[in-house]
Every structure is written in structure tokens, then in C-alpha cells.
Amino acid sequence: MPAQEKNNKKEELPTTIALDTLVKIENTINPLSPAKAAFYSAVLPGLGQAYNKRYWKIPIVYGGLATGIYFYSNNNKEYNRYRDAYKSRLAGLKTDEFYFDLEGNPLASPRVTTDGLQRGQKFYRKNKEISLLVTLGIYALNIIDANVDAHLKQYNVDENLSLVPHFKINEIDRTSDLGLTLNFRF
């Protein structure tokens, strides 16, 4: 065949592929999986854990968030009680709840002094702010946990590599030895 004819003719590739030549890879790495898990947890706490199929973590997330919200609302309620009583005292009124006993009978002197009301406001405001920070921290940990867990799911963890703690009593001097054993099997 002349060289010119060879250049004009394009090489034809086979258009069919035998089915036995294709190999399906089961455990492919999805690089967007950690970002998706973190996004899901940011939108709805616990959803990233469900995406990672770590369902046992969802009650822990909601328990932590519910506890933080409970303490925030309780401290906010107490702060408002002390603040309202303090404002009433500044106005010269003796009608706040601390001028009455538990049955509703008026007292000659209040159960909590004005200085006590100020200290109470400061105490409950501080606790309210700490409760809010703890709740936000638990929310952030929820997102971080989903992200890290999705990253770690991509690693091969099998029985050939193990790190095991061990405790042994030294028979010569009767002391205890504590350590880690790294095993790698081929």
C-alpha cells in the first residue's frame, strides 16, 4: 500500500467490547463523600451520620443538642426572673416574687437582697452564655464527626494490620509492663 493511501485511510478501532473484559470496582473512593456528609450534618444534625451509616451516633448528637438547649432555656428563664425582680426594685416597688413566701404571703423583708439579685443575674447570664457555646460546640462536633467518619470509611481496615494493647507481668522483678503490639501479616 502506498504511503499516501495509508495516510488518507483512518485506523478503525473495534466498536464492540467483550463483557468479560470489563471489571466492576466495588469499593471506589468518592472524594466528595466527606463534604457531602458534612453538608448533610450542617443542614440537619445527625443526617451526616445517617449518610455514613453510623446510625448509633444519631441519638448521641440529639441528646447532646437537647441537653445544651435545655440548660440554655432554663438559665434564660432564671436570668429573666432575677432581672425582672431587679427592675421592680429599682422602680421602688415591693411586688416582685422575692417579697412573698412560697404560699404567697407578703414578707417584711425580701428573701433575696438587691445585691443578691445582681449576683443572680450575673450568674445566670454567664451560665446561659456557656450553655449556648456548648450547644454550638456540639453542633460543630456533629459536622466534624460526619466529615472525619466519611474520610475514614475510605481506608482499608482488615485483620492483616492490627495495633493491640498488652499488659504483662515481668516474672523476674514482679513489675508490670504495659505496651502496644503492632502486627502486620503478609
Protein backbone atom coordinates (compact mmCIF):
# COMPACT_ATOMS: atom_id res chain seq x y z
CA MET A 1 0.00 0.00 0.00
CA PRO A 2 1.42 3.38 -0.95
CA ALA A 3 2.21 5.84 1.88
CA GLN A 4 -0.30 8.41 0.61
CA GLU A 5 -3.14 5.92 0.69
CA LYS A 6 -2.17 4.90 4.20
CA ASN A 7 -2.40 8.49 5.46
CA ASN A 8 -5.85 9.02 3.95
CA LYS A 9 -7.26 5.88 5.48
CA LYS A 10 -8.05 6.25 9.19
CA GLU A 11 -7.37 3.47 11.57
CA GLU A 12 -10.58 1.86 12.66
CA LEU A 13 -10.93 0.76 16.26
CA PRO A 14 -13.17 -2.10 17.26
CA THR A 15 -16.59 -0.88 18.35
CA THR A 16 -17.52 -3.83 20.49
CA ILE A 17 -16.11 -4.76 23.87
CA ALA A 18 -16.40 -8.20 25.30
CA LEU A 19 -18.32 -8.26 28.58
CA ASP A 20 -15.71 -10.35 30.31
CA THR A 21 -13.08 -7.63 29.84
CA LEU A 22 -14.99 -5.13 31.98
CA VAL A 23 -14.27 -5.22 35.68
CA LYS A 24 -16.58 -3.52 38.13
CA ILE A 25 -14.76 -1.89 41.01
CA GLU A 26 -16.84 -2.35 44.13
CA ASN A 27 -15.14 -0.05 46.59
CA THR A 28 -14.38 3.07 44.64
CA ILE A 29 -13.31 6.13 46.57
CA ASN A 30 -15.73 9.03 46.37
CA PRO A 31 -13.73 12.19 47.12
CA LEU A 32 -16.90 14.23 47.61
CA SER A 33 -18.30 11.88 50.25
CA PRO A 34 -16.77 13.73 53.27
CA ALA A 35 -18.01 17.11 52.03
CA LYS A 36 -21.46 15.69 51.39
CA ALA A 37 -21.61 14.13 54.88
CA ALA A 38 -20.53 17.41 56.49
CA PHE A 39 -23.11 19.35 54.46
CA TYR A 40 -25.87 16.95 55.47
CA SER A 41 -24.92 17.29 59.14
CA ALA A 42 -24.86 21.07 58.85
CA VAL A 43 -28.35 21.12 57.33
CA LEU A 44 -29.87 18.63 59.80
CA PRO A 45 -27.78 17.36 62.71
CA GLY A 46 -27.41 13.60 62.54
CA LEU A 47 -28.10 13.38 58.82
CA GLY A 48 -24.39 13.09 58.04
CA GLN A 49 -24.12 10.19 60.48
CA ALA A 50 -27.05 8.52 58.71
CA TYR A 51 -25.31 9.13 55.36
CA ASN A 52 -22.23 7.37 56.75
CA LYS A 53 -24.45 4.55 58.07
CA ARG A 54 -23.43 5.23 61.67
CA TYR A 55 -26.97 5.22 62.99
CA TRP A 56 -25.92 4.65 66.61
CA LYS A 57 -24.40 8.16 66.72
CA ILE A 58 -27.68 9.95 65.93
CA PRO A 59 -29.15 9.66 69.46
CA ILE A 60 -25.86 10.93 70.90
CA VAL A 61 -25.99 14.00 68.64
CA TYR A 62 -29.60 14.79 69.52
CA GLY A 63 -29.04 14.04 73.20
CA GLY A 64 -26.14 16.49 73.34
CA LEU A 65 -28.03 19.19 71.48
CA ALA A 66 -31.17 18.70 73.59
CA THR A 67 -29.14 18.92 76.80
CA GLY A 68 -27.49 22.15 75.69
CA ILE A 69 -30.82 23.67 74.66
CA TYR A 70 -32.42 22.61 77.95
CA PHE A 71 -29.73 24.28 80.05
CA TYR A 72 -29.82 27.40 77.88
CA SER A 73 -33.59 27.80 78.25
CA ASN A 74 -33.50 27.05 81.99
CA ASN A 75 -30.73 29.61 82.62
CA ASN A 76 -32.53 32.14 80.43
CA LYS A 77 -35.73 31.70 82.44
CA GLU A 78 -33.89 32.17 85.74
CA TYR A 79 -32.00 35.18 84.38
CA ASN A 80 -35.28 36.82 83.36
CA ARG A 81 -36.77 36.15 86.84
CA TYR A 82 -33.88 37.90 88.59
CA ARG A 83 -33.76 40.72 86.03
CA ASP A 84 -37.49 41.45 86.34
CA ALA A 85 -37.26 41.45 90.14
CA TYR A 86 -34.24 43.77 90.00
CA LYS A 87 -36.07 46.19 87.66
CA SER A 88 -39.05 46.16 90.03
CA ARG A 89 -36.78 47.02 92.97
CA LEU A 90 -35.15 49.87 91.04
CA ALA A 91 -38.63 51.28 90.37
CA GLY A 92 -39.28 51.28 94.14
CA LEU A 93 -41.93 48.55 94.04
CA LYS A 94 -42.19 45.75 96.53
CA THR A 95 -44.21 43.43 94.32
CA ASP A 96 -41.55 41.09 92.97
CA GLU A 97 -41.78 37.38 93.75
CA PHE A 98 -39.00 37.53 96.35
CA TYR A 99 -41.15 39.70 98.66
CA PHE A 100 -43.57 36.78 99.06
CA ASP A 101 -43.19 33.37 100.67
CA LEU A 102 -43.98 30.11 98.90
CA GLU A 103 -47.68 30.32 99.86
CA GLY A 104 -48.00 33.87 98.51
CA ASN A 105 -47.99 35.70 101.85
CA PRO A 106 -46.13 39.03 101.89
CA LEU A 107 -42.84 39.19 103.82
CA ALA A 108 -41.41 42.10 105.82
CA SER A 109 -38.03 41.79 104.07
CA PRO A 110 -37.31 40.10 100.72
CA ARG A 111 -35.88 36.58 100.52
CA VAL A 112 -33.19 37.87 98.11
CA THR A 113 -31.50 41.23 98.56
CA THR A 114 -30.89 43.69 95.74
CA ASP A 115 -27.22 42.69 95.68
CA GLY A 116 -28.32 39.07 95.53
CA LEU A 117 -30.48 39.89 92.51
CA GLN A 118 -27.49 41.45 90.77
CA ARG A 119 -25.32 38.42 91.55
CA GLY A 120 -28.10 36.12 90.35
CA GLN A 121 -28.39 37.98 87.05
CA LYS A 122 -24.64 37.77 86.52
CA PHE A 123 -24.56 34.07 87.42
CA TYR A 124 -27.44 33.04 85.15
CA ARG A 125 -26.27 35.24 82.27
CA LYS A 126 -22.84 33.58 82.40
CA ASN A 127 -24.39 30.10 82.54
CA LYS A 128 -26.73 30.98 79.68
CA GLU A 129 -23.80 32.04 77.51
CA ILE A 130 -21.80 28.94 78.40
CA SER A 131 -24.80 26.74 77.56
CA LEU A 132 -25.09 28.44 74.18
CA LEU A 133 -21.38 27.92 73.46
CA VAL A 134 -21.55 24.27 74.47
CA THR A 135 -24.59 23.73 72.22
CA LEU A 136 -22.81 25.36 69.28
CA GLY A 137 -19.74 23.25 70.04
CA ILE A 138 -21.81 20.05 69.95
CA TYR A 139 -23.33 21.18 66.64
CA ALA A 140 -19.81 21.78 65.24
CA LEU A 141 -18.60 18.40 66.55
CA ASN A 142 -21.55 16.78 64.78
CA ILE A 143 -20.35 18.23 61.47
CA ILE A 144 -16.69 17.38 62.13
CA ASP A 145 -17.59 13.82 63.14
CA ALA A 146 -19.54 13.24 59.92
CA ASN A 147 -16.67 14.60 57.84
CA VAL A 148 -13.93 12.60 59.58
CA ASP A 149 -16.00 9.43 59.61
CA ALA A 150 -16.60 9.72 55.85
CA HIS A 151 -12.83 10.19 55.35
CA LEU A 152 -12.00 7.15 57.48
CA LYS A 153 -14.52 4.92 55.69
CA GLN A 154 -12.29 5.13 52.61
CA TYR A 155 -9.37 3.37 54.30
CA ASN A 156 -8.85 -0.36 54.12
CA VAL A 157 -9.02 -1.82 57.59
CA ASP A 158 -8.50 -5.55 57.70
CA GLU A 159 -7.11 -8.20 60.02
CA ASN A 160 -3.63 -8.12 58.46
CA LEU A 161 -2.76 -4.92 60.31
CA SER A 162 -3.56 -4.56 63.99
CA LEU A 163 -2.45 -2.45 66.92
CA VAL A 164 -3.28 -4.18 70.19
CA PRO A 165 -2.55 -3.02 73.74
CA HIS A 166 -0.95 -5.61 76.00
CA PHE A 167 -0.33 -5.96 79.72
CA LYS A 168 2.30 -8.34 81.01
CA ILE A 169 3.78 -9.08 84.42
CA ASN A 170 7.57 -9.33 84.41
CA GLU A 171 8.36 -12.60 86.21
CA ILE A 172 11.89 -11.58 87.24
CA ASP A 173 11.18 -8.43 89.25
CA ARG A 174 7.37 -8.73 89.53
CA THR A 175 6.69 -5.39 87.80
CA SER A 176 4.02 -4.78 85.24
CA ASP A 177 4.70 -3.90 81.62
CA LEU A 178 2.18 -2.03 79.52
CA GLY A 179 2.63 -1.52 75.80
CA LEU A 180 1.27 -1.73 72.28
CA THR A 181 1.87 -4.53 69.82
CA LEU A 182 1.85 -3.79 66.08
CA ASN A 183 1.14 -6.87 63.97
CA PHE A 184 1.44 -6.97 60.20
CA ARG A 185 0.69 -10.22 58.36
CA PHE A 186 1.51 -10.82 54.71
